[in-house]
Amino acid sequence: MKELAIALIAAALIGLATLGRKYLITWNDGRRIHNWLRATTKDEPGESHRTQVEIARALRLSPERVSTACRRNTRFLTADDLSVSIWCRERKSVYETRGIISF
């Protein structure tokens, strides 16, 4: 009976350690993505969003890890399933700042 209790406690500790490891990996990926986006994007039209593929290539992460970190982190705003920003949810039009050109 004592061995069974020890085995159950050990299994629970291993499970908690595995969940903690996954959480820390996702948290660290989100931190890296946020720092990279802050350094490479601006709150200007055409400069505010990056695709998850661009992020994955720049940080040498798998697309699945980038997707998971972006879904679980509330600091990231997504315009669609692939574009990520820290500035605004929707992409800004590049025509807003210059206005309509009339001839």
C-alpha atoms as a PDB file:
ATOM      1  CA  MET A   1       0.000   0.000   0.000  1.00  0.00           C
ATOM      2  CA  LYS A   2       2.878   2.325   0.850  1.00  0.00           C
ATOM      3  CA  GLU A   3       4.524   1.655  -2.517  1.00  0.00           C
ATOM      4  CA  LEU A   4       1.281   2.511  -4.333  1.00  0.00           C
ATOM      5  CA  ALA A   5       1.034   5.854  -2.533  1.00  0.00           C
ATOM      6  CA  ILE A   6       4.652   6.663  -3.369  1.00  0.00           C
ATOM      7  CA  ALA A   7       4.061   5.747  -7.027  1.00  0.00           C
ATOM      8  CA  LEU A   8       0.948   7.963  -7.220  1.00  0.00           C
ATOM      9  CA  ILE A   9       2.748  10.900  -5.618  1.00  0.00           C
ATOM     10  CA  ALA A  10       5.707  10.452  -7.967  1.00  0.00           C
ATOM     11  CA  ALA A  11       3.406  10.318 -11.001  1.00  0.00           C
ATOM     12  CA  ALA A  12       1.619  13.485  -9.853  1.00  0.00           C
ATOM     13  CA  LEU A  13       4.933  15.300  -9.356  1.00  0.00           C
ATOM     14  CA  ILE A  14       6.159  14.235 -12.793  1.00  0.00           C
ATOM     15  CA  GLY A  15       2.901  15.452 -14.336  1.00  0.00           C
ATOM     16  CA  LEU A  16       3.152  18.816 -12.571  1.00  0.00           C
ATOM     17  CA  ALA A  17       6.788  19.192 -13.618  1.00  0.00           C
ATOM     18  CA  THR A  18       5.855  18.490 -17.246  1.00  0.00           C
ATOM     19  CA  LEU A  19       3.037  21.066 -17.181  1.00  0.00           C
ATOM     20  CA  GLY A  20       5.333  23.604 -15.535  1.00  0.00           C
ATOM     21  CA  ARG A  21       7.987  23.049 -18.172  1.00  0.00           C
ATOM     22  CA  LYS A  22       5.487  23.542 -21.013  1.00  0.00           C
ATOM     23  CA  TYR A  23       4.158  26.707 -19.358  1.00  0.00           C
ATOM     24  CA  LEU A  24       7.670  28.141 -18.948  1.00  0.00           C
ATOM     25  CA  ILE A  25       8.593  27.353 -22.556  1.00  0.00           C
ATOM     26  CA  THR A  26       5.435  29.083 -23.836  1.00  0.00           C
ATOM     27  CA  TRP A  27       5.999  32.056 -21.511  1.00  0.00           C
ATOM     28  CA  ASN A  28       9.608  32.406 -22.687  1.00  0.00           C
ATOM     29  CA  ASP A  29       8.564  32.161 -26.356  1.00  0.00           C
ATOM     30  CA  GLY A  30       5.976  34.897 -25.783  1.00  0.00           C
ATOM     31  CA  ARG A  31       8.567  37.112 -24.119  1.00  0.00           C
ATOM     32  CA  ARG A  32      10.987  36.628 -27.017  1.00  0.00           C
ATOM     33  CA  ILE A  33       8.278  37.320 -29.612  1.00  0.00           C
ATOM     34  CA  HIS A  34       7.144  40.469 -27.785  1.00  0.00           C
ATOM     35  CA  ASN A  35      10.693  41.833 -27.558  1.00  0.00           C
ATOM     36  CA  TRP A  36      11.315  41.080 -31.243  1.00  0.00           C
ATOM     37  CA  LEU A  37       8.046  42.724 -32.322  1.00  0.00           C
ATOM     38  CA  ARG A  38       8.823  45.796 -30.228  1.00  0.00           C
ATOM     39  CA  ALA A  39      12.220  46.078 -31.908  1.00  0.00           C
ATOM     40  CA  THR A  40      11.107  45.442 -35.498  1.00  0.00           C
ATOM     41  CA  THR A  41       7.656  47.016 -35.801  1.00  0.00           C
ATOM     42  CA  LYS A  42       6.207  50.511 -35.461  1.00  0.00           C
ATOM     43  CA  ASP A  43       2.716  51.863 -34.884  1.00  0.00           C
ATOM     44  CA  GLU A  44       2.555  53.065 -38.487  1.00  0.00           C
ATOM     45  CA  PRO A  45       0.696  51.829 -41.563  1.00  0.00           C
ATOM     46  CA  GLY A  46       2.467  48.907 -43.191  1.00  0.00           C
ATOM     47  CA  GLU A  47       4.869  48.529 -40.256  1.00  0.00           C
ATOM     48  CA  SER A  48       2.676  47.267 -37.415  1.00  0.00           C
ATOM     49  CA  HIS A  49       2.122  43.583 -38.244  1.00  0.00           C
ATOM     50  CA  ARG A  50       4.333  40.571 -38.906  1.00  0.00           C
ATOM     51  CA  THR A  51       3.283  37.104 -39.976  1.00  0.00           C
ATOM     52  CA  GLN A  52       3.832  34.115 -37.746  1.00  0.00           C
ATOM     53  CA  VAL A  53       6.126  32.631 -40.406  1.00  0.00           C
ATOM     54  CA  GLU A  54       8.348  35.748 -40.304  1.00  0.00           C
ATOM     55  CA  ILE A  55       8.476  35.543 -36.520  1.00  0.00           C
ATOM     56  CA  ALA A  56       9.306  31.841 -36.588  1.00  0.00           C
ATOM     57  CA  ARG A  57      12.152  32.363 -39.065  1.00  0.00           C
ATOM     58  CA  ALA A  58      13.607  35.351 -37.241  1.00  0.00           C
ATOM     59  CA  LEU A  59      13.562  33.703 -33.812  1.00  0.00           C
ATOM     60  CA  ARG A  60      14.293  30.181 -35.065  1.00  0.00           C
ATOM     61  CA  LEU A  61      11.163  28.735 -33.503  1.00  0.00           C
ATOM     62  CA  SER A  62       8.752  26.276 -35.024  1.00  0.00           C
ATOM     63  CA  PRO A  63       5.522  27.762 -36.422  1.00  0.00           C
ATOM     64  CA  GLU A  64       3.575  25.686 -33.887  1.00  0.00           C
ATOM     65  CA  ARG A  65       5.430  27.247 -30.968  1.00  0.00           C
ATOM     66  CA  VAL A  66       4.879  30.750 -32.355  1.00  0.00           C
ATOM     67  CA  SER A  67       1.190  30.037 -32.884  1.00  0.00           C
ATOM     68  CA  THR A  68       0.801  28.651 -29.361  1.00  0.00           C
ATOM     69  CA  ALA A  69       2.604  31.601 -27.768  1.00  0.00           C
ATOM     70  CA  CYS A  70       0.538  34.111 -29.756  1.00  0.00           C
ATOM     71  CA  ARG A  71      -2.753  32.427 -28.859  1.00  0.00           C
ATOM     72  CA  ARG A  72      -1.983  32.201 -25.155  1.00  0.00           C
ATOM     73  CA  ASN A  73      -0.503  35.671 -24.661  1.00  0.00           C
ATOM     74  CA  THR A  74      -2.903  38.602 -24.299  1.00  0.00           C
ATOM     75  CA  ARG A  75      -0.269  41.141 -25.367  1.00  0.00           C
ATOM     76  CA  PHE A  76      -0.482  39.964 -28.964  1.00  0.00           C
ATOM     77  CA  LEU A  77      -3.197  41.275 -31.237  1.00  0.00           C
ATOM     78  CA  THR A  78      -4.060  39.247 -34.320  1.00  0.00           C
ATOM     79  CA  ALA A  79      -5.590  40.732 -37.450  1.00  0.00           C
ATOM     80  CA  ASP A  80      -6.192  37.276 -38.900  1.00  0.00           C
ATOM     81  CA  ASP A  81      -4.863  33.831 -38.082  1.00  0.00           C
ATOM     82  CA  LEU A  82      -1.388  34.631 -39.394  1.00  0.00           C
ATOM     83  CA  SER A  83      -0.631  38.312 -38.676  1.00  0.00           C
ATOM     84  CA  VAL A  84       0.508  39.393 -35.228  1.00  0.00           C
ATOM     85  CA  SER A  85       1.005  42.857 -33.755  1.00  0.00           C
ATOM     86  CA  ILE A  86       1.535  44.522 -30.405  1.00  0.00           C
ATOM     87  CA  TRP A  87       0.208  47.879 -31.624  1.00  0.00           C
ATOM     88  CA  CYS A  88      -3.268  47.379 -33.102  1.00  0.00           C
ATOM     89  CA  ARG A  89      -5.617  44.564 -34.036  1.00  0.00           C
ATOM     90  CA  GLU A  90      -6.442  45.669 -37.587  1.00  0.00           C
ATOM     91  CA  ARG A  91      -3.899  46.593 -40.212  1.00  0.00           C
ATOM     92  CA  LYS A  92      -3.801  50.303 -40.977  1.00  0.00           C
ATOM     93  CA  SER A  93      -4.134  51.425 -44.549  1.00  0.00           C
ATOM     94  CA  VAL A  94      -1.059  53.018 -46.041  1.00  0.00           C
ATOM     95  CA  TYR A  95      -3.390  55.468 -47.778  1.00  0.00           C
ATOM     96  CA  GLU A  96      -4.685  56.970 -44.502  1.00  0.00           C
ATOM     97  CA  THR A  97      -1.591  59.016 -43.781  1.00  0.00           C
ATOM     98  CA  ARG A  98      -1.149  60.560 -47.209  1.00  0.00           C
ATOM     99  CA  GLY A  99      -4.816  60.855 -48.157  1.00  0.00           C
ATOM    100  CA  ILE A 100      -6.294  60.522 -51.575  1.00  0.00           C
ATOM    101  CA  ILE A 101      -4.170  61.900 -54.388  1.00  0.00           C
ATOM    102  CA  SER A 102      -6.145  63.979 -56.846  1.00  0.00           C
ATOM    103  CA  PHE A 103      -4.930  64.946 -60.271  1.00  0.00           C
END
